[in-house]
Amino acid sequence: MYGPSPAPAPRPGGSAGAIAVRVLLTVLVVVSLGFLAWVAMLRIAIMRRTGRDWALFWAQLVLNIACVVPLEQRFAGTWMNTAGMIVLLVQMAAVVCYYLIVDTRHHHAPALPPVPQTHSHAPAPGYGYGYPAVHPGTATTVPGPHPVPAPNPYAQQPQQPHPYAPAAPPPAAPAAPPSPRIDQVRAELDELSDLLRREGEK
């Protein structure tokens, strides 16, 4: 009731727009028989922005061009024409599989990576709004620079009692011994239990 509300579960595969783009690019690569496979790789490189994805895009583009050159009319009926077409079709299948896997994983990944703690102590277990309960055996601390304590300007002032402060609650009274009525009810229940047991044996 008072804690943070749980985040909604992500939909499998991302939003409707991401699914539409995924289907469109897959159809584009398959219908073009791999000639436009570089478009799917370019989308991955732009989407993820890693050096590895850019290297795969450029390598795939060079391979695509190398496969298209033997398909010219002057190479018709040669082994180079056949090899170019086979490599282009294999490349089409590989790019489609790679694109679908990477795009699906990208849209399933959490939006923000966890931020490491920069302070050397964990919050008290269950203390405050939004802090999960921390068990002593699972709490981890991250070493960091030790802060220099600032002087407390209120430390020199003597504390004066507040005139409207509520009085301290009286100490709790010791637990009272069980009343005779409880003992009487307990005895009656035992008698009833014995009676039912005897009736069940007959």
C-alpha atoms as a PDB file:
ATOM      1  CA  MET A   1       0.000   0.000   0.000  1.00  0.00           C
ATOM      2  CA  TYR A   2       2.746   2.467   0.915  1.00  0.00           C
ATOM      3  CA  GLY A   3       5.644   1.043  -1.097  1.00  0.00           C
ATOM      4  CA  PRO A   4       6.438   1.676  -4.722  1.00  0.00           C
ATOM      5  CA  SER A   5       4.011   0.095  -7.122  1.00  0.00           C
ATOM      6  CA  PRO A   6       5.391  -2.806  -9.158  1.00  0.00           C
ATOM      7  CA  ALA A   7       6.356  -1.994 -12.721  1.00  0.00           C
ATOM      8  CA  PRO A   8       4.093  -3.475 -15.369  1.00  0.00           C
ATOM      9  CA  ALA A   9       5.498  -6.559 -17.051  1.00  0.00           C
ATOM     10  CA  PRO A  10       6.966  -5.769 -20.453  1.00  0.00           C
ATOM     11  CA  ARG A  11       5.077  -7.117 -23.434  1.00  0.00           C
ATOM     12  CA  PRO A  12       6.911  -9.878 -25.259  1.00  0.00           C
ATOM     13  CA  GLY A  13       8.908  -8.453 -28.136  1.00  0.00           C
ATOM     14  CA  GLY A  14       8.258  -4.765 -27.489  1.00  0.00           C
ATOM     15  CA  SER A  15       5.564  -2.384 -28.679  1.00  0.00           C
ATOM     16  CA  ALA A  16       3.373  -2.693 -31.753  1.00  0.00           C
ATOM     17  CA  GLY A  17       5.587  -0.227 -33.638  1.00  0.00           C
ATOM     18  CA  ALA A  18       8.715  -2.294 -32.969  1.00  0.00           C
ATOM     19  CA  ILE A  19       6.933  -5.447 -34.119  1.00  0.00           C
ATOM     20  CA  ALA A  20       5.735  -3.720 -37.295  1.00  0.00           C
ATOM     21  CA  VAL A  21       9.285  -2.544 -38.125  1.00  0.00           C
ATOM     22  CA  ARG A  22      10.622  -6.034 -37.402  1.00  0.00           C
ATOM     23  CA  VAL A  23       8.106  -7.652 -39.757  1.00  0.00           C
ATOM     24  CA  LEU A  24       8.627  -5.007 -42.471  1.00  0.00           C
ATOM     25  CA  LEU A  25      12.420  -5.393 -42.508  1.00  0.00           C
ATOM     26  CA  THR A  26      12.220  -9.190 -42.455  1.00  0.00           C
ATOM     27  CA  VAL A  27       9.832  -9.203 -45.427  1.00  0.00           C
ATOM     28  CA  LEU A  28      12.015  -6.659 -47.247  1.00  0.00           C
ATOM     29  CA  VAL A  29      15.139  -8.811 -46.867  1.00  0.00           C
ATOM     30  CA  VAL A  30      13.368 -12.025 -47.916  1.00  0.00           C
ATOM     31  CA  VAL A  31      11.491 -10.535 -50.894  1.00  0.00           C
ATOM     32  CA  SER A  32      14.691  -8.926 -52.210  1.00  0.00           C
ATOM     33  CA  LEU A  33      16.439 -12.335 -51.925  1.00  0.00           C
ATOM     34  CA  GLY A  34      19.106 -10.823 -49.698  1.00  0.00           C
ATOM     35  CA  PHE A  35      19.973  -7.817 -51.888  1.00  0.00           C
ATOM     36  CA  LEU A  36      18.668  -5.482 -49.149  1.00  0.00           C
ATOM     37  CA  ALA A  37      20.012  -7.440 -46.176  1.00  0.00           C
ATOM     38  CA  TRP A  38      22.254  -4.489 -45.351  1.00  0.00           C
ATOM     39  CA  VAL A  39      19.137  -2.488 -44.318  1.00  0.00           C
ATOM     40  CA  ALA A  40      18.433  -4.840 -41.401  1.00  0.00           C
ATOM     41  CA  MET A  41      22.075  -4.724 -40.316  1.00  0.00           C
ATOM     42  CA  LEU A  42      22.059  -0.912 -40.549  1.00  0.00           C
ATOM     43  CA  ARG A  43      18.978  -0.818 -38.304  1.00  0.00           C
ATOM     44  CA  ILE A  44      20.754  -2.955 -35.691  1.00  0.00           C
ATOM     45  CA  ALA A  45      23.892  -0.788 -35.849  1.00  0.00           C
ATOM     46  CA  ILE A  46      21.899   2.435 -35.424  1.00  0.00           C
ATOM     47  CA  MET A  47      19.681   0.953 -32.713  1.00  0.00           C
ATOM     48  CA  ARG A  48      22.446  -0.519 -30.512  1.00  0.00           C
ATOM     49  CA  ARG A  49      25.338   1.828 -31.406  1.00  0.00           C
ATOM     50  CA  THR A  50      28.132  -0.600 -30.634  1.00  0.00           C
ATOM     51  CA  GLY A  51      31.363  -0.948 -32.563  1.00  0.00           C
ATOM     52  CA  ARG A  52      30.712  -4.642 -33.091  1.00  0.00           C
ATOM     53  CA  ASP A  53      27.360  -3.964 -34.784  1.00  0.00           C
ATOM     54  CA  TRP A  54      28.910  -1.322 -37.047  1.00  0.00           C
ATOM     55  CA  ALA A  55      31.703  -3.740 -37.998  1.00  0.00           C
ATOM     56  CA  LEU A  56      29.119  -6.445 -38.795  1.00  0.00           C
ATOM     57  CA  PHE A  57      27.145  -3.967 -40.911  1.00  0.00           C
ATOM     58  CA  TRP A  58      30.192  -2.973 -42.992  1.00  0.00           C
ATOM     59  CA  ALA A  59      31.346  -6.603 -43.358  1.00  0.00           C
ATOM     60  CA  GLN A  60      27.872  -7.650 -44.469  1.00  0.00           C
ATOM     61  CA  LEU A  61      27.670  -4.757 -46.947  1.00  0.00           C
ATOM     62  CA  VAL A  62      31.018  -5.711 -48.519  1.00  0.00           C
ATOM     63  CA  LEU A  63      29.937  -9.368 -48.710  1.00  0.00           C
ATOM     64  CA  ASN A  64      26.634  -8.312 -50.276  1.00  0.00           C
ATOM     65  CA  ILE A  65      28.405  -6.330 -52.987  1.00  0.00           C
ATOM     66  CA  ALA A  66      30.855  -9.200 -53.554  1.00  0.00           C
ATOM     67  CA  CYS A  67      27.903 -11.549 -54.075  1.00  0.00           C
ATOM     68  CA  VAL A  68      26.106  -9.185 -56.482  1.00  0.00           C
ATOM     69  CA  VAL A  69      29.088  -8.688 -58.816  1.00  0.00           C
ATOM     70  CA  PRO A  70      29.179 -12.350 -60.035  1.00  0.00           C
ATOM     71  CA  LEU A  71      25.451 -12.127 -60.841  1.00  0.00           C
ATOM     72  CA  GLU A  72      26.151  -9.829 -63.819  1.00  0.00           C
ATOM     73  CA  GLN A  73      25.280 -11.030 -67.307  1.00  0.00           C
ATOM     74  CA  ARG A  74      28.910 -11.590 -68.317  1.00  0.00           C
ATOM     75  CA  PHE A  75      29.267 -14.283 -65.586  1.00  0.00           C
ATOM     76  CA  ALA A  76      26.045 -16.098 -66.585  1.00  0.00           C
ATOM     77  CA  GLY A  77      26.426 -19.859 -66.677  1.00  0.00           C
ATOM     78  CA  THR A  78      29.689 -19.901 -64.690  1.00  0.00           C
ATOM     79  CA  TRP A  79      30.438 -21.314 -61.276  1.00  0.00           C
ATOM     80  CA  MET A  80      30.967 -17.762 -59.946  1.00  0.00           C
ATOM     81  CA  ASN A  81      27.360 -16.879 -60.798  1.00  0.00           C
ATOM     82  CA  THR A  82      26.068 -19.951 -58.960  1.00  0.00           C
ATOM     83  CA  ALA A  83      28.374 -19.401 -55.967  1.00  0.00           C
ATOM     84  CA  GLY A  84      27.354 -15.721 -55.731  1.00  0.00           C
ATOM     85  CA  MET A  85      23.669 -16.630 -55.653  1.00  0.00           C
ATOM     86  CA  ILE A  86      24.177 -19.392 -53.077  1.00  0.00           C
ATOM     87  CA  VAL A  87      26.210 -17.102 -50.784  1.00  0.00           C
ATOM     88  CA  LEU A  88      23.600 -14.343 -51.206  1.00  0.00           C
ATOM     89  CA  LEU A  89      20.770 -16.695 -50.163  1.00  0.00           C
ATOM     90  CA  VAL A  90      22.751 -18.057 -47.186  1.00  0.00           C
ATOM     91  CA  GLN A  91      23.570 -14.489 -46.185  1.00  0.00           C
ATOM     92  CA  MET A  92      19.858 -13.587 -46.427  1.00  0.00           C
ATOM     93  CA  ALA A  93      18.893 -16.403 -44.044  1.00  0.00           C
ATOM     94  CA  ALA A  94      21.717 -15.561 -41.610  1.00  0.00           C
ATOM     95  CA  VAL A  95      20.880 -11.837 -41.550  1.00  0.00           C
ATOM     96  CA  VAL A  96      17.157 -12.497 -40.995  1.00  0.00           C
ATOM     97  CA  CYS A  97      17.870 -14.844 -38.068  1.00  0.00           C
ATOM     98  CA  TYR A  98      20.458 -12.508 -36.542  1.00  0.00           C
ATOM     99  CA  TYR A  99      18.214  -9.464 -36.956  1.00  0.00           C
ATOM    100  CA  LEU A 100      15.197 -11.131 -35.342  1.00  0.00           C
ATOM    101  CA  ILE A 101      17.227 -12.399 -32.372  1.00  0.00           C
ATOM    102  CA  VAL A 102      19.064  -9.118 -31.727  1.00  0.00           C
ATOM    103  CA  ASP A 103      16.000  -6.915 -32.229  1.00  0.00           C
ATOM    104  CA  THR A 104      13.864  -9.059 -29.916  1.00  0.00           C
ATOM    105  CA  ARG A 105      16.547  -9.072 -27.214  1.00  0.00           C
ATOM    106  CA  HIS A 106      17.062  -5.327 -27.563  1.00  0.00           C
ATOM    107  CA  HIS A 107      13.381  -4.627 -26.911  1.00  0.00           C
ATOM    108  CA  HIS A 108      13.308  -7.054 -23.950  1.00  0.00           C
ATOM    109  CA  ALA A 109      16.311  -5.421 -22.259  1.00  0.00           C
ATOM    110  CA  PRO A 110      15.605  -3.082 -19.315  1.00  0.00           C
ATOM    111  CA  ALA A 111      15.603   0.585 -20.227  1.00  0.00           C
ATOM    112  CA  LEU A 112      18.180   1.669 -17.664  1.00  0.00           C
ATOM    113  CA  PRO A 113      21.082  -0.370 -16.322  1.00  0.00           C
ATOM    114  CA  PRO A 114      21.347  -0.600 -12.543  1.00  0.00           C
ATOM    115  CA  VAL A 115      23.272   2.304 -11.062  1.00  0.00           C
ATOM    116  CA  PRO A 116      26.097   1.277  -8.707  1.00  0.00           C
ATOM    117  CA  GLN A 117      26.006   2.725  -5.223  1.00  0.00           C
ATOM    118  CA  THR A 118      28.489   5.506  -4.525  1.00  0.00           C
ATOM    119  CA  HIS A 119      28.123   5.590  -0.755  1.00  0.00           C
ATOM    120  CA  SER A 120      29.639   3.145   1.663  1.00  0.00           C
ATOM    121  CA  HIS A 121      26.538   2.227   3.640  1.00  0.00           C
ATOM    122  CA  ALA A 122      23.200   0.687   2.802  1.00  0.00           C
ATOM    123  CA  PRO A 123      19.909   2.194   4.006  1.00  0.00           C
ATOM    124  CA  ALA A 124      18.375   0.725   7.118  1.00  0.00           C
ATOM    125  CA  PRO A 125      16.234  -2.336   6.376  1.00  0.00           C
ATOM    126  CA  GLY A 126      12.740  -1.291   5.375  1.00  0.00           C
ATOM    127  CA  TYR A 127      13.370   2.313   6.374  1.00  0.00           C
ATOM    128  CA  GLY A 128      11.697   5.066   4.397  1.00  0.00           C
ATOM    129  CA  TYR A 129       9.553   5.176   1.308  1.00  0.00           C
ATOM    130  CA  GLY A 130      10.764   3.169  -1.666  1.00  0.00           C
ATOM    131  CA  TYR A 131      13.617   1.284   0.016  1.00  0.00           C
ATOM    132  CA  PRO A 132      13.400  -2.503  -0.179  1.00  0.00           C
ATOM    133  CA  ALA A 133      14.031  -4.474   2.958  1.00  0.00           C
ATOM    134  CA  VAL A 134      17.727  -5.360   3.184  1.00  0.00           C
ATOM    135  CA  HIS A 135      18.740  -8.492   5.017  1.00  0.00           C
ATOM    136  CA  PRO A 136      22.039  -8.312   6.895  1.00  0.00           C
ATOM    137  CA  GLY A 137      23.494 -11.334   5.060  1.00  0.00           C
ATOM    138  CA  THR A 138      22.755  -9.954   1.587  1.00  0.00           C
ATOM    139  CA  ALA A 139      23.689  -6.293   1.955  1.00  0.00           C
ATOM    140  CA  THR A 140      26.755  -5.242   0.009  1.00  0.00           C
ATOM    141  CA  THR A 141      28.767  -2.106   0.403  1.00  0.00           C
ATOM    142  CA  VAL A 142      30.723  -0.303  -2.235  1.00  0.00           C
ATOM    143  CA  PRO A 143      33.954   1.275  -1.039  1.00  0.00           C
ATOM    144  CA  GLY A 144      34.156   4.929  -1.813  1.00  0.00           C
ATOM    145  CA  PRO A 145      35.794   8.104  -0.596  1.00  0.00           C
ATOM    146  CA  HIS A 146      35.258   8.668   3.094  1.00  0.00           C
ATOM    147  CA  PRO A 147      33.328  11.898   3.537  1.00  0.00           C
ATOM    148  CA  VAL A 148      34.597  14.409   6.046  1.00  0.00           C
ATOM    149  CA  PRO A 149      31.859  15.048   8.604  1.00  0.00           C
ATOM    150  CA  ALA A 150      30.625  18.617   8.537  1.00  0.00           C
ATOM    151  CA  PRO A 151      30.322  20.409  11.860  1.00  0.00           C
ATOM    152  CA  ASN A 152      26.811  20.323  13.232  1.00  0.00           C
ATOM    153  CA  PRO A 153      25.662  23.896  13.992  1.00  0.00           C
ATOM    154  CA  TYR A 154      22.943  22.565  16.285  1.00  0.00           C
ATOM    155  CA  ALA A 155      25.265  20.514  18.454  1.00  0.00           C
ATOM    156  CA  GLN A 156      26.271  23.444  20.733  1.00  0.00           C
ATOM    157  CA  GLN A 157      22.706  24.478  21.486  1.00  0.00           C
ATOM    158  CA  PRO A 158      21.172  22.788  24.534  1.00  0.00           C
ATOM    159  CA  GLN A 159      17.970  20.984  23.815  1.00  0.00           C
ATOM    160  CA  GLN A 160      14.957  22.448  25.558  1.00  0.00           C
ATOM    161  CA  PRO A 161      11.813  20.440  26.134  1.00  0.00           C
ATOM    162  CA  HIS A 162       8.939  21.448  23.916  1.00  0.00           C
ATOM    163  CA  PRO A 163       5.974  22.735  25.966  1.00  0.00           C
ATOM    164  CA  TYR A 164       3.452  20.971  23.739  1.00  0.00           C
ATOM    165  CA  ALA A 165       5.279  17.673  23.399  1.00  0.00           C
ATOM    166  CA  PRO A 166       3.139  14.628  24.278  1.00  0.00           C
ATOM    167  CA  ALA A 167       3.987  12.837  27.472  1.00  0.00           C
ATOM    168  CA  ALA A 168       5.910   9.583  27.244  1.00  0.00           C
ATOM    169  CA  PRO A 169       3.609   6.543  27.258  1.00  0.00           C
ATOM    170  CA  PRO A 170       3.495   4.633  30.550  1.00  0.00           C
ATOM    171  CA  PRO A 171       5.509   1.407  30.658  1.00  0.00           C
ATOM    172  CA  ALA A 172       3.611  -1.692  29.585  1.00  0.00           C
ATOM    173  CA  ALA A 173       2.069  -3.712  32.373  1.00  0.00           C
ATOM    174  CA  PRO A 174       3.175  -7.343  32.763  1.00  0.00           C
ATOM    175  CA  ALA A 175       0.932  -9.902  31.094  1.00  0.00           C
ATOM    176  CA  ALA A 176      -1.969 -10.969  33.270  1.00  0.00           C
ATOM    177  CA  PRO A 177      -2.367 -14.674  34.100  1.00  0.00           C
ATOM    178  CA  PRO A 178      -5.115 -16.445  32.142  1.00  0.00           C
ATOM    179  CA  SER A 179      -8.578 -15.950  33.609  1.00  0.00           C
ATOM    180  CA  PRO A 180     -10.521 -18.834  35.181  1.00  0.00           C
ATOM    181  CA  ARG A 181     -13.126 -18.534  32.410  1.00  0.00           C
ATOM    182  CA  ILE A 182     -10.539 -19.606  29.785  1.00  0.00           C
ATOM    183  CA  ASP A 183      -9.642 -22.643  31.868  1.00  0.00           C
ATOM    184  CA  GLN A 184     -13.327 -23.560  32.144  1.00  0.00           C
ATOM    185  CA  VAL A 185     -13.850 -23.296  28.355  1.00  0.00           C
ATOM    186  CA  ARG A 186     -10.714 -25.363  27.753  1.00  0.00           C
ATOM    187  CA  ALA A 187     -11.986 -28.102  30.086  1.00  0.00           C
ATOM    188  CA  GLU A 188     -15.409 -28.151  28.379  1.00  0.00           C
ATOM    189  CA  LEU A 189     -13.764 -28.486  24.954  1.00  0.00           C
ATOM    190  CA  ASP A 190     -11.667 -31.389  26.191  1.00  0.00           C
ATOM    191  CA  GLU A 191     -14.792 -33.132  27.502  1.00  0.00           C
ATOM    192  CA  LEU A 192     -16.570 -32.563  24.193  1.00  0.00           C
ATOM    193  CA  SER A 193     -13.589 -33.935  22.278  1.00  0.00           C
ATOM    194  CA  ASP A 194     -13.568 -37.083  24.432  1.00  0.00           C
ATOM    195  CA  LEU A 195     -17.321 -37.534  23.945  1.00  0.00           C
ATOM    196  CA  LEU A 196     -17.002 -37.252  20.148  1.00  0.00           C
ATOM    197  CA  ARG A 197     -14.125 -39.724  20.157  1.00  0.00           C
ATOM    198  CA  ARG A 198     -16.230 -42.253  22.045  1.00  0.00           C
ATOM    199  CA  GLU A 199     -19.166 -41.753  19.672  1.00  0.00           C
ATOM    200  CA  GLY A 200     -16.844 -42.286  16.679  1.00  0.00           C
ATOM    201  CA  GLU A 201     -15.546 -45.584  18.101  1.00  0.00           C
ATOM    202  CA  LYS A 202     -19.044 -47.091  18.379  1.00  0.00           C
END
